[in-house]
């Protein structure tokens, strides 16, 4: 019997904690303008899990409704960027994981919005907008 991996994480102050079980659906570097503003970084790295695989261990996630189909989650105490939710998926900021080294990014998205001083030489596939199959995800990004 194969043991399922449990990914744990939370905010910087410890008020919000979560765990996700199983394998991630994907891990991405996103270069869209919303991710840059939400994280305060040149791009954001998120790891995605089905909602059914997520358990909130401590605290309550504060959410900002960006569009009808997209919510951003954060800690109301310390302001840590924690989640990006769309449909039946929830993505966690990789920096919020207790062990971010356990995930490996699959690709870059929204590289049409990439900052000109970012040089992508990591060998990962790059998509101007979304990866194939994800074209329906446009939320004004």
Protein backbone atom coordinates (compact mmCIF):
# COMPACT_ATOMS: atom_id res chain seq x y z
CA UNK A 1 0.00 0.00 0.00
CA UNK A 2 1.37 3.41 -1.02
CA UNK A 3 1.39 6.07 1.64
CA UNK A 4 -0.14 9.39 0.58
CA UNK A 5 1.96 12.52 1.03
CA UNK A 6 0.55 15.17 3.35
CA UNK A 7 1.53 18.73 2.45
CA UNK A 8 1.23 21.08 5.42
CA UNK A 9 1.56 24.83 5.55
CA UNK A 10 0.22 28.11 6.80
CA UNK A 11 0.73 31.80 7.24
CA UNK A 12 3.78 33.48 8.75
CA UNK A 13 2.12 34.19 12.14
CA UNK A 14 0.67 30.68 12.50
CA UNK A 15 -2.98 31.80 12.75
CA UNK A 16 -4.00 29.81 9.65
CA UNK A 17 -2.82 26.23 9.02
CA UNK A 18 -3.81 23.71 6.36
CA UNK A 19 -2.96 20.32 4.97
CA UNK A 20 -3.42 18.82 1.53
CA UNK A 21 -3.20 15.10 0.83
CA UNK A 22 -2.31 13.27 -2.32
CA UNK A 23 -0.44 14.46 -5.33
CA UNK A 24 -0.76 18.03 -6.61
CA UNK A 25 -2.64 18.60 -9.86
CA UNK A 26 0.10 20.97 -10.99
CA UNK A 27 2.65 23.50 -9.76
CA UNK A 28 3.12 26.70 -11.76
CA UNK A 29 4.99 29.96 -11.92
CA UNK A 30 2.42 32.64 -12.84
CA UNK A 31 3.53 35.97 -14.30
CA UNK A 32 0.10 37.68 -14.46
CA UNK A 33 -0.37 41.17 -13.08
CA UNK A 34 -2.80 40.04 -10.38
CA UNK A 35 -0.37 37.47 -8.96
CA UNK A 36 2.39 40.09 -8.95
CA UNK A 37 0.22 42.54 -7.02
CA UNK A 38 -1.21 39.92 -4.66
CA UNK A 39 2.20 38.56 -3.67
CA UNK A 40 4.36 41.65 -4.10
CA UNK A 41 6.78 39.53 -6.15
CA UNK A 42 7.94 39.41 -9.78
CA UNK A 43 5.88 36.23 -10.24
CA UNK A 44 3.99 33.79 -8.02
CA UNK A 45 4.44 30.05 -7.59
CA UNK A 46 1.34 28.03 -6.71
CA UNK A 47 0.68 24.34 -6.14
CA UNK A 48 -2.85 23.13 -6.89
CA UNK A 49 -4.97 20.45 -5.19
CA UNK A 50 -8.59 19.33 -5.56
CA UNK A 51 -10.77 20.92 -2.83
CA UNK A 52 -11.69 17.46 -1.56
CA UNK A 53 -8.03 16.85 -0.59
CA UNK A 54 -7.72 19.95 1.64
CA UNK A 55 -8.28 20.22 5.38
CA UNK A 56 -8.12 23.45 7.36
CA UNK A 57 -6.30 22.69 10.61
CA UNK A 58 -6.32 26.07 12.34
CA UNK A 59 -7.84 29.49 11.87
CA UNK A 60 -9.92 30.89 9.10
CA UNK A 61 -8.90 32.03 5.65
CA UNK A 62 -9.87 35.58 4.69
CA UNK A 63 -10.86 35.88 1.05
CA UNK A 64 -10.99 38.50 -1.63
CA UNK A 65 -13.43 37.80 -4.48
CA UNK A 66 -11.49 38.84 -7.55
CA UNK A 67 -14.04 37.74 -10.17
CA UNK A 68 -17.06 35.44 -10.15
CA UNK A 69 -14.84 32.40 -10.54
CA UNK A 70 -11.70 33.45 -8.73
CA UNK A 71 -10.88 34.12 -5.07
CA UNK A 72 -7.61 35.04 -3.39
CA UNK A 73 -7.04 33.90 0.20
CA UNK A 74 -4.86 35.42 2.90
CA UNK A 75 -4.39 35.60 6.67
CA UNK A 76 -6.27 38.53 8.20
CA UNK A 77 -3.70 38.73 11.03
CA UNK A 78 -0.39 38.88 9.17
CA UNK A 79 -1.51 39.37 5.55
CA UNK A 80 0.31 36.30 4.20
CA UNK A 81 -0.73 35.31 0.67
CA UNK A 82 -2.05 31.77 0.96
CA UNK A 83 -4.45 30.71 -1.79
CA UNK A 84 -5.90 31.12 -5.22
CA UNK A 85 -9.23 29.36 -5.74
CA UNK A 86 -11.04 28.57 -8.95
CA UNK A 87 -13.88 26.08 -9.31
CA UNK A 88 -13.12 22.84 -7.46
CA UNK A 89 -9.40 23.54 -7.15
CA UNK A 90 -7.40 25.40 -4.52
CA UNK A 91 -3.84 26.48 -5.11
CA UNK A 92 -1.50 27.33 -2.25
CA UNK A 93 1.40 29.72 -2.53
CA UNK A 94 4.44 27.45 -2.50
CA UNK A 95 6.11 29.76 0.01
CA UNK A 96 3.36 28.94 2.53
CA UNK A 97 4.24 25.22 2.54
CA UNK A 98 6.25 23.86 5.45
CA UNK A 99 8.32 21.97 2.86
CA UNK A 100 8.27 23.92 -0.42
CA UNK A 101 11.10 21.71 -1.66
CA UNK A 102 8.61 18.82 -1.95
CA UNK A 103 7.04 20.35 -5.07
CA UNK A 104 8.61 21.02 -8.45
CA UNK A 105 7.11 23.55 -10.88
CA UNK A 106 5.66 22.10 -14.09
CA UNK A 107 5.56 25.23 -16.27
CA UNK A 108 5.29 29.02 -16.51
CA UNK A 109 2.01 30.72 -17.45
CA UNK A 110 1.11 34.25 -18.47
CA UNK A 111 4.61 34.91 -19.78
CA UNK A 112 3.14 37.62 -22.01
CA UNK A 113 3.08 39.66 -18.76
CA UNK A 114 6.57 38.59 -17.68
CA UNK A 115 8.80 41.41 -16.47
CA UNK A 116 11.51 42.19 -19.04
CA UNK A 117 14.34 41.65 -16.55
CA UNK A 118 13.21 38.08 -15.71
CA UNK A 119 15.22 35.58 -17.76
CA UNK A 120 13.60 32.16 -17.92
CA UNK A 121 16.29 29.55 -18.39
CA UNK A 122 14.97 26.77 -16.13
CA UNK A 123 13.94 24.54 -19.04
CA UNK A 124 10.25 24.56 -18.07
CA UNK A 125 7.57 24.98 -20.75
CA UNK A 126 6.41 28.59 -21.09
CA UNK A 127 2.90 29.60 -22.11
CA UNK A 128 1.99 33.12 -23.18
CA UNK A 129 -1.37 32.75 -21.41
CA UNK A 130 -2.45 29.34 -20.08
CA UNK A 131 -1.25 25.81 -20.54
CA UNK A 132 -3.10 23.77 -23.18
CA UNK A 133 -6.50 22.81 -21.84
CA UNK A 134 -6.65 25.80 -19.50
CA UNK A 135 -7.74 28.44 -22.00
CA UNK A 136 -11.07 28.84 -20.19
CA UNK A 137 -9.31 30.24 -17.11
CA UNK A 138 -9.08 33.84 -18.28
CA UNK A 139 -10.30 36.06 -15.45
CA UNK A 140 -8.98 39.37 -16.71
CA UNK A 141 -5.42 38.40 -15.86
